Structure formats: C-alpha cells, structure tokens
N, C-alpha and C. Protein backbone atom coordinates (compact mmCIF):
# COMPACT_ATOMS: atom_id res chain seq x y z
N MET A 1 42.30 -58.13 -18.65
CA MET A 1 43.23 -56.85 -19.12
C MET A 1 42.49 -56.08 -19.45
N THR A 2 41.57 -56.56 -20.64
CA THR A 2 40.50 -55.61 -21.29
C THR A 2 39.67 -55.06 -20.39
N SER A 3 39.00 -55.63 -20.17
CA SER A 3 38.09 -55.16 -19.00
C SER A 3 38.73 -54.05 -18.15
N LEU A 4 40.67 -53.79 -17.75
CA LEU A 4 40.59 -53.27 -17.03
C LEU A 4 41.74 -52.14 -17.62
N ALA A 5 41.00 -52.26 -19.06
CA ALA A 5 41.60 -51.18 -19.51
C ALA A 5 40.25 -50.08 -20.00
N LYS A 6 39.57 -51.25 -20.14
CA LYS A 6 37.88 -50.48 -20.84
C LYS A 6 37.60 -49.74 -19.70
N LEU A 7 37.81 -50.75 -18.04
CA LEU A 7 37.68 -50.01 -16.65
C LEU A 7 38.60 -48.63 -16.60
N ALA A 8 39.27 -48.55 -17.34
CA ALA A 8 40.37 -47.16 -16.87
C ALA A 8 39.91 -46.07 -17.63
N GLN A 9 39.76 -46.63 -18.84
CA GLN A 9 39.03 -45.18 -20.28
C GLN A 9 38.23 -44.42 -19.75
N LYS A 10 37.17 -45.71 -19.10
CA LYS A 10 35.59 -44.94 -18.33
C LYS A 10 36.16 -44.26 -16.90
N LEU A 11 36.76 -44.82 -15.93
CA LEU A 11 36.73 -43.51 -14.80
C LEU A 11 38.24 -42.73 -15.52
N LYS A 12 38.77 -42.73 -16.43
CA LYS A 12 38.93 -41.02 -16.41
C LYS A 12 38.36 -40.40 -17.17
N GLN A 13 36.76 -41.25 -18.03
CA GLN A 13 36.14 -40.09 -19.00
C GLN A 13 34.83 -39.49 -18.15
N GLU A 14 35.37 -40.01 -16.70
CA GLU A 14 34.07 -39.76 -15.48
C GLU A 14 34.94 -39.10 -14.79
N LYS A 15 36.46 -39.28 -13.77
CA LYS A 15 36.98 -38.17 -13.96
C LYS A 15 36.95 -36.88 -14.87
N LEU A 16 37.11 -37.09 -16.00
CA LEU A 16 36.73 -35.28 -16.71
C LEU A 16 35.58 -34.67 -16.51
N ASP A 17 34.71 -35.68 -16.58
CA ASP A 17 33.49 -35.52 -16.68
C ASP A 17 32.96 -34.59 -15.17
N ALA A 18 33.71 -35.39 -13.92
CA ALA A 18 34.00 -34.58 -12.36
C ALA A 18 34.02 -33.16 -12.08
N ALA A 19 35.15 -33.54 -13.44
CA ALA A 19 35.68 -31.94 -13.01
C ALA A 19 35.97 -30.62 -14.38
N LYS A 20 34.41 -31.22 -15.16
CA LYS A 20 33.71 -30.37 -15.99
C LYS A 20 32.76 -29.77 -14.82
N GLN A 21 31.70 -30.90 -13.78
CA GLN A 21 31.18 -30.73 -13.36
C GLN A 21 31.88 -29.34 -11.78
N ARG A 22 32.65 -30.43 -11.74
CA ARG A 22 33.83 -29.37 -10.35
C ARG A 22 33.28 -28.12 -10.64
N ARG A 23 34.10 -27.33 -11.56
CA ARG A 23 34.30 -25.98 -12.57
C ARG A 23 33.82 -25.24 -13.29
N LEU A 24 32.56 -25.79 -13.11
CA LEU A 24 30.77 -24.95 -13.71
C LEU A 24 30.40 -24.94 -12.58
N GLN A 25 30.25 -25.42 -11.14
CA GLN A 25 29.90 -25.36 -10.07
C GLN A 25 30.83 -24.25 -9.31
N GLU A 26 31.67 -23.74 -9.11
CA GLU A 26 32.81 -23.28 -8.58
C GLU A 26 32.57 -22.02 -9.70
N LYS A 27 32.34 -21.84 -11.10
CA LYS A 27 31.92 -20.71 -11.82
C LYS A 27 30.86 -20.05 -10.81
N MET A 28 29.65 -20.50 -10.82
CA MET A 28 28.62 -20.33 -10.78
C MET A 28 28.29 -19.69 -8.85
N LEU A 29 28.97 -20.45 -8.25
CA LEU A 29 29.00 -20.11 -7.29
C LEU A 29 30.14 -18.77 -6.85
N LYS A 30 30.94 -18.45 -7.62
CA LYS A 30 31.98 -17.11 -7.89
C LYS A 30 30.70 -16.23 -8.16
N GLU A 31 30.36 -16.77 -9.62
CA GLU A 31 28.89 -15.34 -9.56
C GLU A 31 28.16 -15.03 -8.70
N ALA A 32 27.67 -16.30 -7.53
CA ALA A 32 25.87 -16.23 -6.56
C ALA A 32 27.55 -15.48 -5.29
N VAL A 33 28.81 -15.03 -5.09
CA VAL A 33 29.39 -15.12 -4.43
C VAL A 33 29.28 -13.00 -4.86
N SER A 34 29.86 -13.41 -6.37
CA SER A 34 29.95 -12.16 -6.85
C SER A 34 28.43 -10.52 -6.83
N LEU A 35 27.39 -11.54 -7.19
CA LEU A 35 26.82 -10.91 -7.02
C LEU A 35 26.25 -10.52 -6.00
N ALA A 36 26.33 -10.77 -5.08
CA ALA A 36 25.64 -10.77 -3.24
C ALA A 36 27.00 -9.48 -2.96
N ARG A 37 27.39 -9.43 -2.73
CA ARG A 37 29.28 -8.81 -2.20
C ARG A 37 28.26 -7.27 -3.33
N ARG A 38 27.69 -7.60 -4.88
CA ARG A 38 27.61 -6.31 -5.17
C ARG A 38 26.30 -5.77 -4.73
N SER A 39 25.19 -6.71 -4.24
CA SER A 39 24.43 -6.24 -4.32
C SER A 39 24.43 -5.43 -2.46
N SER A 40 24.88 -6.26 -2.04
CA SER A 40 25.31 -5.79 -0.43
C SER A 40 25.87 -4.35 -0.61
N SER A 41 27.14 -3.45 -1.58
CA SER A 41 27.60 -2.49 -2.34
C SER A 41 26.62 -1.56 -2.37
N GLY A 42 26.04 -1.93 -3.39
CA GLY A 42 24.44 -1.19 -4.15
C GLY A 42 23.76 -1.33 -2.74
N LEU A 43 23.60 -2.18 -1.43
CA LEU A 43 22.15 -1.27 -0.89
C LEU A 43 22.55 -0.17 -0.06
N SER A 44 24.09 -0.62 0.50
CA SER A 44 24.83 -0.04 1.63
C SER A 44 25.29 1.73 0.68
N SER A 45 25.63 1.73 -0.51
CA SER A 45 25.37 3.03 -1.41
C SER A 45 23.55 4.31 -1.13
N VAL A 46 22.89 2.95 -1.32
CA VAL A 46 21.68 2.80 -1.40
C VAL A 46 20.75 3.95 -0.34
N GLU A 47 21.64 2.81 0.69
CA GLU A 47 20.90 4.23 2.06
C GLU A 47 22.22 4.78 2.68
N HIS A 48 23.59 4.79 2.26
CA HIS A 48 24.17 6.69 2.37
C HIS A 48 23.45 7.36 1.80
N ARG A 49 23.22 7.07 -0.07
CA ARG A 49 22.89 8.42 -0.64
C ARG A 49 21.12 8.57 -0.39
N MET A 50 20.14 8.12 0.41
CA MET A 50 19.03 8.09 1.29
C MET A 50 18.78 9.04 2.52
N GLU A 51 20.05 8.52 3.24
CA GLU A 51 20.13 8.91 4.50
C GLU A 51 21.18 11.11 4.22
N ASP A 52 21.33 11.07 2.79
CA ASP A 52 22.21 12.48 2.53
C ASP A 52 21.22 13.27 1.82
N SER A 53 19.89 12.65 2.05
CA SER A 53 19.47 13.10 0.96
C SER A 53 18.06 13.98 1.58
N LYS A 54 17.84 12.63 2.76
CA LYS A 54 16.95 13.10 3.88
C LYS A 54 17.92 14.45 5.22
N ILE A 55 18.79 14.67 4.53
CA ILE A 55 19.30 15.82 5.13
C ILE A 55 19.23 16.88 4.31
N LYS A 56 18.83 16.61 3.08
CA LYS A 56 19.55 18.02 2.55
C LYS A 56 17.67 17.95 1.73
N LEU A 57 17.03 17.08 1.97
CA LEU A 57 15.27 17.83 2.05
C LEU A 57 14.98 18.54 3.70
N GLY A 58 15.61 17.96 4.63
CA GLY A 58 15.19 18.87 5.72
C GLY A 58 16.15 20.15 6.18
N GLU A 59 17.03 20.47 4.97
CA GLU A 59 17.19 21.74 5.41
C GLU A 59 16.48 22.97 4.17
N ILE A 60 16.77 22.46 2.98
CA ILE A 60 15.61 22.76 2.33
C ILE A 60 13.99 23.13 3.05
N ASN A 61 13.74 22.29 3.13
CA ASN A 61 12.21 22.33 3.96
C ASN A 61 12.84 23.65 5.31
N ALA A 62 13.19 23.89 5.67
CA ALA A 62 13.61 24.70 6.95
C ALA A 62 14.48 25.93 6.35
N GLU A 63 15.06 26.15 5.04
CA GLU A 63 15.24 27.68 4.58
C GLU A 63 13.61 27.80 3.55
N PHE A 64 12.67 26.36 2.95
CA PHE A 64 11.30 27.20 2.38
C PHE A 64 10.82 27.19 3.47
N ASN A 65 10.45 27.24 4.85
CA ASN A 65 9.50 28.05 6.31
C ASN A 65 10.85 29.04 5.86
N HIS A 66 11.69 29.79 6.22
CA HIS A 66 12.21 30.53 7.09
C HIS A 66 12.05 31.82 6.00
N VAL A 67 11.96 31.10 4.20
CA VAL A 67 11.69 32.25 3.26
C VAL A 67 10.24 32.71 3.22
N VAL A 68 9.29 32.13 3.56
CA VAL A 68 8.07 31.70 3.22
C VAL A 68 7.75 32.80 4.11
N ALA A 69 8.07 32.64 5.15
CA ALA A 69 7.57 32.61 6.54
C ALA A 69 8.49 34.93 6.45
N ARG A 70 9.43 34.67 5.56
CA ARG A 70 9.75 36.20 5.42
C ARG A 70 8.93 36.76 4.42
N LYS A 71 8.57 36.23 3.53
CA LYS A 71 7.11 36.95 2.62
C LYS A 71 5.80 37.25 3.89
N GLU A 72 5.92 36.05 3.72
CA GLU A 72 4.62 36.93 5.01
C GLU A 72 4.50 37.96 5.81
N SER A 73 5.87 37.94 6.56
CA SER A 73 6.39 39.16 7.25
C SER A 73 6.33 40.52 6.50
N LEU A 74 7.47 40.52 5.25
CA LEU A 74 6.55 41.89 4.50
C LEU A 74 5.49 42.36 3.63
N GLU A 75 4.42 40.77 3.48
CA GLU A 75 2.99 41.66 2.98
C GLU A 75 2.81 41.91 4.15
N ARG A 76 2.72 41.25 5.10
CA ARG A 76 1.85 41.48 6.61
C ARG A 76 2.49 43.73 6.82
N LEU A 77 3.84 43.77 7.45
CA LEU A 77 3.84 45.23 6.71
C LEU A 77 4.00 46.15 5.88
N ALA A 78 3.71 45.61 4.19
CA ALA A 78 2.81 46.80 3.31
C ALA A 78 2.42 46.33 3.66
N SER A 79 0.94 45.76 3.75
CA SER A 79 -0.08 46.17 4.29
C SER A 79 -0.73 46.94 5.05
N ALA A 80 0.23 46.85 6.30
CA ALA A 80 0.08 47.32 7.46
C ALA A 80 0.00 49.23 7.01
N ALA A 81 1.33 48.80 6.02
CA ALA A 81 1.66 50.41 5.39
C ALA A 81 0.74 51.15 5.01
N GLN A 82 0.35 49.76 4.02
CA GLN A 82 -0.99 50.72 3.41
C GLN A 82 -2.19 51.10 3.77
N GLU A 83 -2.57 50.37 5.61
CA GLU A 83 -3.32 50.66 5.95
C GLU A 83 -3.36 52.33 6.54
N ARG A 84 -1.66 52.33 7.09
CA ARG A 84 -1.74 54.00 7.48
C ARG A 84 -1.84 54.84 6.37
N LEU A 85 -1.26 54.39 5.41
CA LEU A 85 -0.99 55.39 4.00
C LEU A 85 -2.60 55.40 3.68
N THR A 86 -3.92 54.69 3.73
CA THR A 86 -5.54 55.36 3.37
C THR A 86 -6.08 56.35 5.09
N GLN A 87 -6.00 55.45 6.11
CA GLN A 87 -5.65 56.94 7.17
C GLN A 87 -5.25 58.29 6.95
N GLU A 88 -3.76 58.57 6.48
CA GLU A 88 -3.20 59.47 6.10
C GLU A 88 -3.76 60.34 5.27
N ILE A 89 -4.20 59.65 4.17
CA ILE A 89 -4.65 60.34 3.09
C ILE A 89 -6.49 60.98 3.56
N ALA A 90 -6.44 60.08 4.63
CA ALA A 90 -7.99 60.75 5.06
C ALA A 90 -7.44 62.17 6.04
N ALA A 91 -6.54 61.98 6.83
CA ALA A 91 -6.32 63.23 7.79
C ALA A 91 -5.82 64.64 6.80
N LYS A 92 -4.95 63.90 5.16
CA LYS A 92 -4.79 65.00 4.65
C LYS A 92 -5.87 65.94 4.48
N ASP A 93 -7.28 64.91 3.18
CA ASP A 93 -8.90 66.11 2.93
C ASP A 93 -8.91 66.89 4.47
N GLN A 94 -9.31 66.53 5.52
CA GLN A 94 -9.14 66.68 6.73
C GLN A 94 -8.57 68.10 7.09
N ALA A 95 -7.26 68.00 6.64
CA ALA A 95 -6.24 69.13 6.31
C ALA A 95 -6.22 70.18 5.73
N GLU A 96 -6.49 70.11 4.87
CA GLU A 96 -7.00 70.51 4.10
C GLU A 96 -8.20 71.59 3.45
N THR A 97 -8.68 70.29 4.09
CA THR A 97 -10.71 71.41 4.56
C THR A 97 -10.65 72.51 5.94
N ASP A 98 -9.49 72.32 6.49
CA ASP A 98 -8.86 72.50 7.82
C ASP A 98 -8.18 74.77 7.11
N LEU A 99 -7.50 74.55 6.65
CA LEU A 99 -6.36 75.71 5.56
C LEU A 99 -7.71 76.24 4.75
N GLN A 100 -8.52 75.88 4.27
CA GLN A 100 -9.16 76.76 3.94
C GLN A 100 -10.69 77.17 4.47
N ASN A 101 -10.40 76.62 5.95
CA ASN A 101 -11.26 77.28 6.39
C ASN A 101 -11.02 78.34 7.75
N ALA A 102 -9.33 78.26 7.30
CA ALA A 102 -8.74 78.58 8.93
C ALA A 102 -9.14 80.31 8.75
N GLU A 103 -9.13 80.97 9.98
CA GLU A 103 -10.06 82.31 9.90
C GLU A 103 -8.88 83.56 10.15
N THR A 104 -7.83 83.19 10.64
CA THR A 104 -6.27 83.33 11.48
C THR A 104 -5.23 83.25 10.65
N GLU A 105 -4.14 83.90 11.06
CA GLU A 105 -2.87 83.55 10.17
C GLU A 105 -2.52 82.87 10.59
N GLY A 106 -2.60 82.43 12.66
CA GLY A 106 -1.95 81.46 12.75
C GLY A 106 -2.58 80.29 12.89
N ALA A 107 -4.50 80.11 12.20
CA ALA A 107 -4.92 78.70 11.97
C ALA A 107 -4.40 78.35 10.63
N LYS A 108 -3.97 79.40 9.59
CA LYS A 108 -3.70 78.68 8.53
C LYS A 108 -2.58 78.41 8.53
N GLN A 109 -1.77 78.88 10.08
CA GLN A 109 0.13 78.79 9.65
C GLN A 109 -0.03 76.82 10.40
N ILE A 110 -1.08 76.77 11.12
CA ILE A 110 -0.70 75.02 12.22
C ILE A 110 -1.35 74.69 11.25
N ALA A 111 -2.90 74.83 10.28
CA ALA A 111 -3.50 74.32 9.60
C ALA A 111 -2.46 73.75 8.54
N ALA A 112 -2.02 74.69 8.04
CA ALA A 112 -0.38 74.59 6.99
C ALA A 112 0.62 73.49 7.07
N GLU A 113 0.77 73.53 8.22
CA GLU A 113 2.27 72.74 9.08
C GLU A 113 1.55 71.34 9.26
N ARG A 114 0.29 71.31 9.82
CA ARG A 114 -0.34 69.92 10.18
C ARG A 114 0.20 69.14 8.26
N LEU A 115 -1.06 69.52 7.54
CA LEU A 115 -0.54 69.62 5.70
C LEU A 115 0.37 68.83 5.31
N GLU A 116 1.39 69.79 5.54
CA GLU A 116 2.75 69.67 5.32
C GLU A 116 3.43 68.24 5.75
N GLN A 117 3.34 67.78 7.25
CA GLN A 117 3.59 66.98 7.67
C GLN A 117 2.24 65.07 7.24
N ILE A 118 1.67 65.49 7.02
CA ILE A 118 1.26 64.76 6.16
C ILE A 118 1.53 64.12 5.28
N ILE A 119 1.85 65.43 4.50
CA ILE A 119 1.63 65.06 2.90
C ILE A 119 3.26 63.96 2.97
N GLN A 120 3.91 64.64 3.67
CA GLN A 120 5.86 64.37 4.01
C GLN A 120 4.93 62.32 4.63
N LYS A 121 4.19 62.46 5.71
CA LYS A 121 4.12 61.13 5.86
C LYS A 121 3.46 60.44 5.18
N ILE A 122 2.49 60.67 3.77
CA ILE A 122 2.05 60.00 3.31
C ILE A 122 3.12 59.59 1.79
N ALA A 123 4.29 60.08 2.31
CA ALA A 123 5.26 60.11 0.67
C ALA A 123 6.06 58.66 1.72
N GLU A 124 6.08 58.96 2.89
CA GLU A 124 6.90 57.78 3.17
C GLU A 124 6.79 56.73 3.93
N LEU A 125 5.89 56.34 3.51
CA LEU A 125 5.05 54.54 3.79
C LEU A 125 4.44 54.90 2.55
N GLU A 126 4.06 55.86 1.09
CA GLU A 126 4.06 54.75 -0.14
C GLU A 126 5.33 54.28 -0.42
N GLU A 127 6.22 55.05 0.40
CA GLU A 127 7.99 54.24 -0.23
C GLU A 127 7.88 53.07 0.82
N GLU A 128 8.02 52.96 1.53
CA GLU A 128 7.89 51.60 2.45
C GLU A 128 7.13 50.78 2.01
N ALA A 129 5.69 50.85 1.65
CA ALA A 129 4.67 49.47 1.24
C ALA A 129 5.29 49.56 0.39
N LYS A 130 6.02 50.79 -1.01
CA LYS A 130 6.41 49.44 -2.16
C LYS A 130 7.62 48.93 -2.01
N GLN A 131 8.68 49.77 -1.41
CA GLN A 131 10.47 48.43 -1.15
C GLN A 131 9.49 47.14 -0.36
N ARG A 132 8.25 47.64 0.29
CA ARG A 132 8.06 46.17 1.61
C ARG A 132 7.25 44.89 0.26
N GLN A 133 6.52 45.96 -0.67
CA GLN A 133 6.12 44.99 -1.22
C GLN A 133 6.89 44.34 -2.42
N ALA A 134 7.51 44.80 -2.72
CA ALA A 134 8.90 44.45 -3.75
C ALA A 134 9.64 43.34 -2.98
N ALA A 135 9.99 43.77 -1.72
CA ALA A 135 10.91 42.88 -1.44
C ALA A 135 9.70 40.63 -1.54
N ALA A 136 8.88 40.94 -0.82
CA ALA A 136 7.49 40.92 -1.12
C ALA A 136 7.63 39.90 -2.39
N ASP A 137 7.73 40.47 -3.31
CA ASP A 137 7.78 39.44 -4.57
C ASP A 137 8.55 39.26 -5.13
N LYS A 138 10.07 39.86 -4.95
CA LYS A 138 11.33 39.01 -4.91
C LYS A 138 11.66 37.49 -4.46
N LEU A 139 11.04 36.87 -3.32
CA LEU A 139 10.94 35.82 -2.63
C LEU A 139 10.28 34.80 -3.18
N VAL A 140 8.72 35.46 -4.09
CA VAL A 140 8.46 34.83 -4.97
C VAL A 140 8.73 33.37 -6.27
N LYS A 141 9.93 33.92 -5.70
CA LYS A 141 10.93 33.10 -6.97
C LYS A 141 11.69 32.46 -6.89
N VAL A 142 12.57 32.32 -5.34
CA VAL A 142 12.59 32.28 -4.49
C VAL A 142 11.99 30.69 -3.55
N ILE A 143 11.21 31.28 -3.81
CA ILE A 143 9.26 29.91 -2.93
C ILE A 143 9.97 28.60 -4.05
N GLU A 144 9.20 29.23 -4.94
CA GLU A 144 8.99 28.39 -6.34
C GLU A 144 9.87 27.33 -6.55
N ASP A 145 11.59 27.80 -6.11
CA ASP A 145 12.81 26.98 -6.50
C ASP A 145 12.76 26.25 -4.95
N PHE A 146 12.33 26.98 -4.68
CA PHE A 146 12.95 25.65 -3.31
C PHE A 146 11.76 24.41 -3.14
N LYS A 147 10.74 24.95 -3.80
CA LYS A 147 9.30 23.77 -3.73
C LYS A 147 10.27 22.97 -4.60
N LYS A 148 10.68 23.17 -6.05
CA LYS A 148 11.21 22.63 -7.10
C LYS A 148 12.04 21.54 -6.61
N SER A 149 12.86 22.12 -5.60
CA SER A 149 14.03 21.35 -4.75
C SER A 149 13.66 20.35 -4.04
N LYS A 150 12.48 20.82 -3.51
CA LYS A 150 11.93 20.18 -2.22
C LYS A 150 11.78 18.26 -3.67
N THR A 151 10.65 18.97 -4.27
CA THR A 151 9.92 18.17 -4.96
C THR A 151 10.69 16.63 -5.48
N LYS A 152 12.55 17.67 -6.61
CA LYS A 152 13.19 16.63 -7.00
C LYS A 152 13.59 15.91 -5.96
N THR A 153 13.98 16.63 -5.28
CA THR A 153 14.98 15.53 -3.71
C THR A 153 14.05 14.41 -3.17
N SER A 154 12.53 14.59 -2.84
CA SER A 154 11.78 14.32 -3.29
C SER A 154 11.42 12.80 -3.14
N HIS A 155 11.35 12.92 -5.10
CA HIS A 155 11.50 11.75 -5.88
C HIS A 155 13.05 11.46 -5.66
N GLN A 156 13.95 11.86 -5.52
CA GLN A 156 15.24 11.05 -5.24
C GLN A 156 15.14 10.04 -4.02
N ILE A 157 14.56 9.86 -2.86
CA ILE A 157 14.51 9.26 -1.61
C ILE A 157 13.36 8.38 -1.90
N GLN A 158 12.37 8.43 -2.70
CA GLN A 158 11.41 7.93 -3.62
C GLN A 158 11.81 6.56 -4.41
N LYS A 159 12.60 7.40 -4.98
CA LYS A 159 13.49 6.02 -6.72
C LYS A 159 14.65 5.17 -6.20
N GLN A 160 15.23 5.80 -4.97
CA GLN A 160 16.14 5.00 -4.17
C GLN A 160 15.42 4.05 -2.62
N ALA A 161 14.45 4.31 -2.11
CA ALA A 161 14.03 3.04 -1.95
C ALA A 161 13.67 2.00 -2.43
N LYS A 162 12.45 2.85 -3.58
CA LYS A 162 12.12 1.93 -4.42
C LYS A 162 13.13 0.52 -4.74
N SER A 163 14.94 0.72 -5.19
CA SER A 163 15.54 0.39 -5.37
C SER A 163 16.39 -0.30 -3.96
N LYS A 164 15.52 -0.45 -2.75
CA LYS A 164 16.32 -1.03 -1.60
C LYS A 164 15.36 -2.79 -1.93
N PRO A 165 13.86 -2.66 -2.06
CA PRO A 165 14.01 -4.33 -1.87
C PRO A 165 14.27 -5.01 -3.35
N VAL A 166 14.34 -4.48 -4.30
CA VAL A 166 15.10 -5.27 -5.25
C VAL A 166 16.78 -5.92 -4.43
N LEU A 167 17.24 -4.78 -3.85
CA LEU A 167 18.82 -5.31 -3.60
C LEU A 167 18.41 -6.07 -2.99
N LEU A 168 18.36 -6.22 -1.77
CA LEU A 168 17.43 -7.52 -0.34
C LEU A 168 17.39 -8.38 -1.34
N SER A 169 15.99 -8.91 -2.58
CA SER A 169 16.23 -9.89 -2.71
C SER A 169 16.62 -10.34 -3.70
N GLN A 170 17.48 -9.52 -4.20
CA GLN A 170 19.25 -10.00 -4.58
C GLN A 170 20.42 -10.48 -3.67
N ILE A 171 20.70 -9.80 -3.08
CA ILE A 171 20.59 -10.50 -1.04
C ILE A 171 20.11 -11.58 -0.76
N LYS A 172 19.66 -11.92 -1.15
CA LYS A 172 18.82 -13.21 -0.26
C LYS A 172 18.63 -14.70 -1.27
N THR A 173 18.67 -13.60 -2.24
CA THR A 173 18.15 -15.04 -3.66
C THR A 173 19.75 -15.64 -3.87
N SER A 174 20.66 -14.51 -3.43
CA SER A 174 22.13 -15.12 -3.95
C SER A 174 22.90 -15.68 -3.34
N THR A 175 22.81 -15.07 -1.55
CA THR A 175 23.14 -15.96 -0.24
C THR A 175 22.44 -17.29 -0.29
N VAL A 176 21.26 -17.35 -0.50
CA VAL A 176 20.50 -19.13 -0.37
C VAL A 176 21.39 -20.06 -1.51
N ASP A 177 21.53 -19.48 -3.32
CA ASP A 177 22.39 -20.00 -4.12
C ASP A 177 24.01 -20.40 -3.72
N SER A 178 24.78 -19.41 -2.73
CA SER A 178 25.44 -19.23 -3.00
C SER A 178 26.24 -20.83 -1.65
N GLU A 179 24.93 -21.14 -0.61
CA GLU A 179 24.90 -21.70 0.54
C GLU A 179 24.53 -23.00 -1.01
N ARG A 180 23.35 -23.12 -1.56
CA ARG A 180 23.29 -24.34 -2.33
C ARG A 180 24.90 -25.02 -3.34
N LEU A 181 24.58 -23.77 -3.76
CA LEU A 181 26.32 -23.89 -4.89
C LEU A 181 27.57 -24.31 -3.67
N LYS A 182 28.57 -23.98 -2.68
CA LYS A 182 28.94 -24.28 -1.75
C LYS A 182 28.95 -25.75 -1.41
N LYS A 183 27.16 -26.68 -1.02
CA LYS A 183 27.29 -27.73 -1.42
C LYS A 183 27.97 -29.07 -2.59
N ARG A 184 27.46 -27.80 -3.49
CA ARG A 184 27.26 -29.25 -4.98
C ARG A 184 28.86 -28.59 -4.93
N VAL A 185 29.46 -27.72 -4.54
CA VAL A 185 31.11 -28.23 -5.26
C VAL A 185 31.52 -29.07 -4.27
N ASP A 186 31.57 -29.10 -2.79
CA ASP A 186 32.11 -29.78 -2.18
C ASP A 186 31.61 -31.09 -2.98
N THR A 187 30.35 -31.44 -3.17
CA THR A 187 30.10 -32.98 -3.62
C THR A 187 30.41 -33.42 -5.16
N ALA A 188 31.20 -32.37 -5.77
CA ALA A 188 31.67 -32.19 -7.03
C ALA A 188 32.88 -32.81 -6.97
N VAL A 189 33.49 -32.38 -5.60
CA VAL A 189 34.64 -31.84 -5.29
C VAL A 189 35.71 -34.12 -4.76
N LYS A 190 34.21 -34.47 -3.79
CA LYS A 190 34.65 -35.58 -3.52
C LYS A 190 34.15 -36.62 -4.92
N LYS A 191 33.53 -36.35 -5.79
CA LYS A 191 32.90 -37.57 -6.30
C LYS A 191 34.40 -37.42 -7.07
N GLU A 192 35.28 -36.38 -7.70
CA GLU A 192 36.22 -35.81 -8.56
C GLU A 192 37.63 -36.86 -7.38
N GLN A 193 37.36 -36.44 -6.33
CA GLN A 193 38.60 -36.81 -5.98
C GLN A 193 38.71 -38.28 -5.65
N ASN A 194 37.62 -39.33 -5.38
CA ASN A 194 36.75 -40.46 -5.54
C ASN A 194 37.44 -41.68 -6.71
N VAL A 195 36.49 -40.56 -7.81
CA VAL A 195 37.05 -41.38 -9.23
C VAL A 195 38.50 -41.08 -9.03
N SER A 196 39.23 -40.35 -8.72
CA SER A 196 40.18 -39.92 -9.05
C SER A 196 41.44 -41.21 -8.31
N LYS A 197 40.73 -41.72 -7.63
CA LYS A 197 41.43 -42.73 -6.64
C LYS A 197 41.31 -43.60 -6.88
N ILE A 198 39.93 -44.54 -7.34
CA ILE A 198 39.35 -45.85 -7.80
C ILE A 198 40.39 -45.92 -9.53
N LEU A 199 40.80 -44.68 -10.39
CA LEU A 199 41.73 -44.64 -10.72
C LEU A 199 42.90 -44.76 -10.94
N ASP A 200 43.41 -44.81 -9.87
CA ASP A 200 45.04 -44.65 -9.65
C ASP A 200 44.78 -46.16 -9.65
N VAL A 201 43.86 -46.83 -8.26
CA VAL A 201 43.98 -47.83 -7.98
C VAL A 201 44.12 -48.65 -9.08
N VAL A 202 42.70 -48.90 -10.36
CA VAL A 202 43.10 -50.01 -11.20
C VAL A 202 44.07 -49.63 -12.63
N SER A 203 44.95 -48.16 -12.42
CA SER A 203 45.61 -47.68 -13.86
C SER A 203 46.92 -48.66 -13.27
N LYS A 204 46.58 -49.09 -11.86
CA LYS A 204 48.57 -50.21 -10.92
C LYS A 204 48.11 -50.74 -10.77
N LYS A 205 46.50 -51.22 -10.86
CA LYS A 205 46.03 -52.82 -11.73
C LYS A 205 46.96 -53.43 -12.95
N LEU A 206 46.84 -52.25 -14.04
CA LEU A 206 46.60 -52.77 -15.36
C LEU A 206 48.79 -52.68 -14.56
N ALA A 207 48.52 -51.46 -15.03
CA ALA A 207 50.30 -51.36 -15.18
C ALA A 207 50.43 -52.71 -14.81
N GLU A 208 50.54 -53.66 -13.36
CA GLU A 208 51.22 -54.54 -12.85
C GLU A 208 50.57 -56.10 -14.29
N GLN A 209 50.11 -56.16 -14.56
CA GLN A 209 49.20 -56.81 -14.96
C GLN A 209 50.55 -56.46 -16.88
N LEU A 210 50.04 -55.33 -17.42
CA LEU A 210 51.36 -54.99 -18.32
C LEU A 210 52.63 -55.91 -18.19
N ALA A 211 52.81 -55.32 -17.00
CA ALA A 211 54.58 -56.05 -16.10
C ALA A 211 54.72 -57.17 -16.31
N ARG A 212 53.59 -57.57 -15.99
CA ARG A 212 53.97 -59.25 -16.26
C ARG A 212 54.08 -60.60 -17.26
N LYS A 213 52.94 -59.73 -17.48
CA LYS A 213 52.79 -59.94 -19.12
C LYS A 213 53.57 -59.87 -20.20
N ARG A 214 54.55 -58.94 -19.65
CA ARG A 214 55.63 -59.13 -20.92
C ARG A 214 56.96 -59.37 -20.10
N LYS A 215 56.77 -59.82 -18.96
CA LYS A 215 57.84 -60.43 -18.39
C LYS A 215 57.37 -62.13 -18.70
N ALA A 216 56.58 -62.91 -18.78
CA ALA A 216 55.63 -63.79 -19.72
C ALA A 216 55.96 -64.28 -20.77
N ALA A 217 56.49 -62.87 -21.74
CA ALA A 217 56.65 -63.27 -23.24
C ALA A 217 57.80 -63.03 -23.19
N SER A 218 58.37 -62.66 -22.52
CA SER A 218 60.35 -62.28 -22.64
C SER A 218 60.68 -63.97 -22.09
C-alpha cells in the first residue's frame, strides 16, 4: 500500500510537470503563430506601400519630365527671340543710316517708317524674350521640388524593399517553429494523458486497498 501511495504521489507530480510543460509549449506555439501572422500582415502592408510608392514615383517622373521639357522649350523660344532681337538691332542701325543718307523727302519718309517698324519690333522682341526667360526661371524652383520629391520617394521604396527580407525571414522562421512546437505540444498532451491514465489506475487500486483495509479492521 505504501508503495502504491508513493507511486500515486510520484504520478501526481509527473502529471503536474507534464501539464506545466504542455502549457509552456502551447504558449510558445501561440507566440510563434502570432509572429507569423504579424510578419505576414507586415509584409502585405510593405508590398502595398511599395506599389503605391512606385506609382507615385512614376507620376512624379512624368510631371518632372513635362516641366523640364516646358522649361527647355521656353529657353529655346527666349533664345530665338534674342537672336531675332540682335538681327533687328542691326537692321535698326542700318535704317538709321538710311534715314541719314536719304536725299529726298520720299526716301526719308520710307526710311523713317522702316525705322519706326523696327523700333516697335525690337520692343516686342525684348518683351517676348523677357517673358519667356522669366517663365523658364520660375520653373527652376518647380524642378528642384520635383527632384526632392523623387529622391524622397526613391528612398522610401529602398527602405521598404530592405524590410521585405527581414519579414520573409521572420515568416519562414516562425512557420518552422510553429510546426516544431505543434509536435512538442502533441507530445506533451499525450504524455499528460498517459500519466493521467496510469494515475487513475493506481488511484483506483489504492482506493481498493484502503477499502479492504478498513473492512478488515472493522
């Protein structure tokens, strides 16, 4: 009877240890599964943000190229106006010379009208060149802003891309851990169940012995 009592006590302790080990493995499994889910969710979020950033970068590049082309066009127009202005200034000098050398009133009138037209044209070209260049200069700030936006968005994509391998590694590791811990949980559950069954048998036999002892004593 003493040996059965000791065995029962030993089995109770084993059952407690087995239950403790099962709960520990279940807790570790829960953490591994949770990490896998968080990593998977994080990866999905990163990929979504990367896609949005790439679309944004594409839009920025398109706008940037459009503004650069616009600036270059304005600069070409300003340069062309400046070239025509140079030609008109030379024509003005010639018209002034023609006016000075005109010998008749008719020739003087024609030269004067020609000079007046050239002076008006010079004024128009000066204004055109000024406006074109001013418009082109304004786009310099716009272009710089686009460059900063491009750099910022590109850095975001690079940062997001660097986080992907980390998350993928976490998913892989936690998945492997989950499978391993599931087996440990199953083993711990079976051990707890086996100890519990044996304890039930021993406890039953011990109870029977106690009952016979009481009966014999009476």
